[in-house]
Amino acid sequence: MSPEFLLSATDPTQVGPCAAEVAFVGRSNVGKSTLLNALCRKEVARVSNTPGRTRTINVFQTGHGRWLVDLPGYGFASGPQAERDSWGPMIEGYLTARPSLRMVFALIDAKVGPTRLDLMMLKWLEAAHLPWRVVATKADQVKPSRGQAQRRDVAHAMGLDPEDVAWVSAKDGLGLTALRAELTARLDS
């Protein structure tokens, strides 16, 4: 997988058709762009220490008509309120209008666990009949002595089994190979 930046859009209708795509959603500061860069093995997405820097639908092409899509975060973010208010409809409009969408990877913080907003997003994805998979990021921030229990607690808070949650760390590479293989399989199906 050697993705290249394709386009940014603020209006979902500006994004044309493709053969297959996967999207990444999650709270601001959950590490969507960092994870995307780690999966791609190069810096394709802009990373910032300030929550809410991804403000557009960012599309990266991995092959002819195969896309990875980085969506704006939800929850706390810096920036003008009017701009932040537009992100929800932008995300919803994008996700509900993509017949080529193979999977929505819903990112949560492994150390924090699912927040109220994360649980709302999962319920919305379920209600919208969209395929989704939970990815717990920043697993390196969970103490090793707490790892198994935290993974179980995080999964159970969402009504899932621990093996249903991809447990990853962009920093130390944990789980990236398996998630990369899953992305490739989804885009090639």
Protein backbone atom coordinates (compact mmCIF):
# COMPACT_ATOMS: atom_id res chain seq x y z
CA MET A 1 0.00 0.00 0.00
CA SER A 2 1.57 3.26 -1.13
CA PRO A 3 -1.15 5.92 -0.86
CA GLU A 4 -0.89 9.37 -2.33
CA PHE A 5 -2.96 12.43 -1.47
CA LEU A 6 -5.82 12.79 -3.95
CA LEU A 7 -8.12 15.59 -2.73
CA SER A 8 -9.68 17.52 0.14
CA ALA A 9 -13.30 18.59 0.20
CA THR A 10 -15.68 20.34 2.57
CA ASP A 11 -18.77 19.26 0.67
CA PRO A 12 -19.36 15.49 0.29
CA THR A 13 -20.82 16.07 -3.17
CA GLN A 14 -17.38 17.31 -4.32
CA VAL A 15 -15.98 13.80 -3.88
CA GLY A 16 -16.52 11.72 -6.99
CA PRO A 17 -17.04 7.99 -7.34
CA CYS A 18 -14.44 5.32 -6.73
CA ALA A 19 -14.28 1.52 -6.84
CA ALA A 20 -13.80 0.96 -3.09
CA GLU A 21 -13.04 3.04 -0.02
CA VAL A 22 -12.64 2.83 3.73
CA ALA A 23 -13.14 5.77 6.09
CA PHE A 24 -11.65 6.68 9.46
CA VAL A 25 -13.81 8.45 12.05
CA GLY A 26 -13.22 9.30 15.68
CA ARG A 27 -12.91 12.03 18.25
CA SER A 28 -10.54 14.90 17.68
CA ASN A 29 -7.12 13.94 19.04
CA VAL A 30 -7.74 10.16 18.87
CA GLY A 31 -4.91 9.85 16.34
CA LYS A 32 -6.69 9.29 13.01
CA SER A 33 -4.02 11.02 10.92
CA THR A 34 -1.18 9.45 12.94
CA LEU A 35 -2.66 5.99 12.45
CA LEU A 36 -3.18 6.62 8.74
CA ASN A 37 0.48 7.62 8.37
CA ALA A 38 1.63 4.51 10.28
CA LEU A 39 -0.54 2.24 8.14
CA CYS A 40 0.82 3.86 4.97
CA ARG A 41 4.42 3.74 6.26
CA LYS A 42 4.85 7.37 5.25
CA GLU A 43 3.47 10.77 6.09
CA VAL A 44 0.46 11.29 3.89
CA ALA A 45 -1.84 13.00 6.42
CA ARG A 46 -1.00 16.18 8.30
CA VAL A 47 -0.57 15.56 12.05
CA SER A 48 -0.95 18.27 14.70
CA ASN A 49 -0.80 18.45 18.49
CA THR A 50 -3.90 20.65 18.37
CA PRO A 51 -7.20 18.72 18.35
CA GLY A 52 -9.39 19.29 15.31
CA ARG A 53 -6.80 20.08 12.65
CA THR A 54 -8.42 17.70 10.16
CA ARG A 55 -11.21 19.95 8.94
CA THR A 56 -11.98 18.48 5.55
CA ILE A 57 -12.69 15.14 3.93
CA ASN A 58 -9.17 14.04 2.96
CA VAL A 59 -8.87 11.33 0.34
CA PHE A 60 -5.75 9.23 -0.30
CA GLN A 61 -5.55 6.91 -3.28
CA THR A 62 -3.94 3.50 -2.69
CA GLY A 63 -4.45 2.18 -6.19
CA HIS A 64 -6.74 2.84 -9.11
CA GLY A 65 -10.08 3.78 -7.56
CA ARG A 66 -9.08 2.54 -4.08
CA TRP A 67 -9.28 5.17 -1.33
CA LEU A 68 -8.50 5.76 2.33
CA VAL A 69 -10.59 8.63 3.70
CA ASP A 70 -9.63 10.69 6.77
CA LEU A 71 -12.68 12.51 8.16
CA PRO A 72 -12.78 15.44 10.61
CA GLY A 73 -12.90 14.51 14.28
CA TYR A 74 -15.87 15.03 16.55
CA GLY A 75 -15.90 16.38 20.09
CA PHE A 76 -13.45 18.97 21.39
CA ALA A 77 -11.54 20.78 18.66
CA SER A 78 -10.01 24.17 18.14
CA GLY A 79 -11.26 26.52 15.47
CA PRO A 80 -14.28 28.69 14.76
CA GLN A 81 -17.57 27.34 16.13
CA ALA A 82 -19.34 27.72 12.77
CA GLU A 83 -16.68 25.59 11.13
CA ARG A 84 -16.86 22.93 13.88
CA ASP A 85 -20.65 22.87 13.58
CA SER A 86 -20.34 21.99 9.89
CA TRP A 87 -18.27 18.86 10.52
CA GLY A 88 -21.17 16.66 11.75
CA PRO A 89 -23.30 17.20 8.65
CA MET A 90 -20.16 16.86 6.47
CA ILE A 91 -19.28 13.48 8.02
CA GLU A 92 -22.88 12.23 7.93
CA GLY A 93 -23.37 13.43 4.36
CA TYR A 94 -20.20 11.70 3.24
CA LEU A 95 -20.82 8.38 4.98
CA THR A 96 -24.45 8.03 3.87
CA ALA A 97 -23.79 8.84 0.21
CA ARG A 98 -20.95 6.44 -0.60
CA PRO A 99 -22.06 3.18 -2.28
CA SER A 100 -18.38 2.18 -2.57
CA LEU A 101 -17.80 2.43 1.21
CA ARG A 102 -16.52 -0.96 2.37
CA MET A 103 -15.83 -0.15 6.04
CA VAL A 104 -15.87 2.66 8.58
CA PHE A 105 -13.05 2.30 11.05
CA ALA A 106 -14.30 3.94 14.25
CA LEU A 107 -11.28 4.96 16.31
CA ILE A 108 -11.36 5.18 20.08
CA ASP A 109 -8.59 5.90 22.58
CA ALA A 110 -7.41 2.62 24.16
CA LYS A 111 -6.45 4.30 27.42
CA VAL A 112 -9.60 6.44 27.76
CA GLY A 113 -12.09 3.92 26.37
CA PRO A 114 -15.23 4.87 24.47
CA THR A 115 -16.67 8.25 25.37
CA ARG A 116 -20.32 9.22 25.17
CA LEU A 117 -19.62 10.68 21.71
CA ASP A 118 -17.91 7.46 20.57
CA LEU A 119 -20.92 5.41 21.69
CA MET A 120 -23.23 7.83 19.88
CA MET A 121 -21.17 7.43 16.70
CA LEU A 122 -21.36 3.62 16.90
CA LYS A 123 -25.13 3.76 17.42
CA TRP A 124 -25.44 6.12 14.46
CA LEU A 125 -23.33 3.83 12.23
CA GLU A 126 -25.49 0.89 13.28
CA ALA A 127 -28.73 2.80 12.62
CA ALA A 128 -27.41 3.93 9.22
CA HIS A 129 -26.63 0.27 8.37
CA LEU A 130 -23.00 1.10 7.65
CA PRO A 131 -20.27 -1.52 8.09
CA TRP A 132 -18.00 -0.55 11.00
CA ARG A 133 -15.07 -1.84 12.99
CA VAL A 134 -13.67 -0.42 16.21
CA VAL A 135 -9.96 0.36 16.32
CA ALA A 136 -8.47 1.23 19.71
CA THR A 137 -5.54 3.59 19.11
CA LYS A 138 -2.67 4.59 21.40
CA ALA A 139 -2.48 1.11 22.94
CA ASP A 140 1.12 1.89 23.93
CA GLN A 141 -0.28 4.30 26.54
CA VAL A 142 -1.95 1.45 28.44
CA LYS A 143 0.32 -0.04 31.11
CA PRO A 144 1.33 -3.59 30.15
CA SER A 145 0.06 -4.88 33.50
CA ARG A 146 -3.37 -3.44 32.64
CA GLY A 147 -3.41 -4.39 28.91
CA GLN A 148 -5.69 -7.44 28.88
CA ALA A 149 -8.14 -6.01 31.43
CA GLN A 150 -8.30 -2.66 29.62
CA ARG A 151 -8.92 -4.36 26.29
CA ARG A 152 -11.75 -6.37 27.85
CA ASP A 153 -13.21 -3.30 29.60
CA VAL A 154 -13.06 -1.18 26.43
CA ALA A 155 -14.75 -3.89 24.36
CA HIS A 156 -17.47 -4.58 26.93
CA ALA A 157 -18.27 -0.86 27.22
CA MET A 158 -19.32 -1.07 23.55
CA GLY A 159 -21.05 -4.44 23.82
CA LEU A 160 -18.25 -6.18 21.92
CA ASP A 161 -15.90 -9.06 22.56
CA PRO A 162 -12.22 -8.10 23.02
CA GLU A 163 -11.23 -9.83 19.77
CA ASP A 164 -13.72 -7.61 17.91
CA VAL A 165 -11.62 -4.53 18.70
CA ALA A 166 -8.41 -3.93 16.75
CA TRP A 167 -5.84 -2.93 19.39
CA VAL A 168 -3.14 -0.78 17.76
CA SER A 169 -0.30 1.61 18.41
CA ALA A 170 1.12 3.83 15.69
CA LYS A 171 4.08 4.53 17.99
CA ASP A 172 5.31 0.97 18.49
CA GLY A 173 3.62 -0.78 15.55
CA LEU A 174 1.33 -3.02 17.61
CA GLY A 175 -1.48 -4.42 15.46
CA LEU A 176 -0.56 -2.46 12.33
CA THR A 177 0.28 -5.48 10.16
CA ALA A 178 -3.10 -7.10 10.82
CA LEU A 179 -5.00 -3.84 10.32
CA ARG A 180 -3.08 -3.12 7.10
CA ALA A 181 -4.03 -6.59 5.81
CA GLU A 182 -7.67 -5.97 6.74
CA LEU A 183 -7.65 -2.63 4.88
CA THR A 184 -6.19 -4.23 1.78
CA ALA A 185 -8.76 -7.04 1.89
CA ARG A 186 -11.63 -4.56 2.24
CA LEU A 187 -10.42 -2.43 -0.66
CA ASP A 188 -9.89 -5.47 -2.88
CA SER A 189 -13.29 -7.07 -2.17
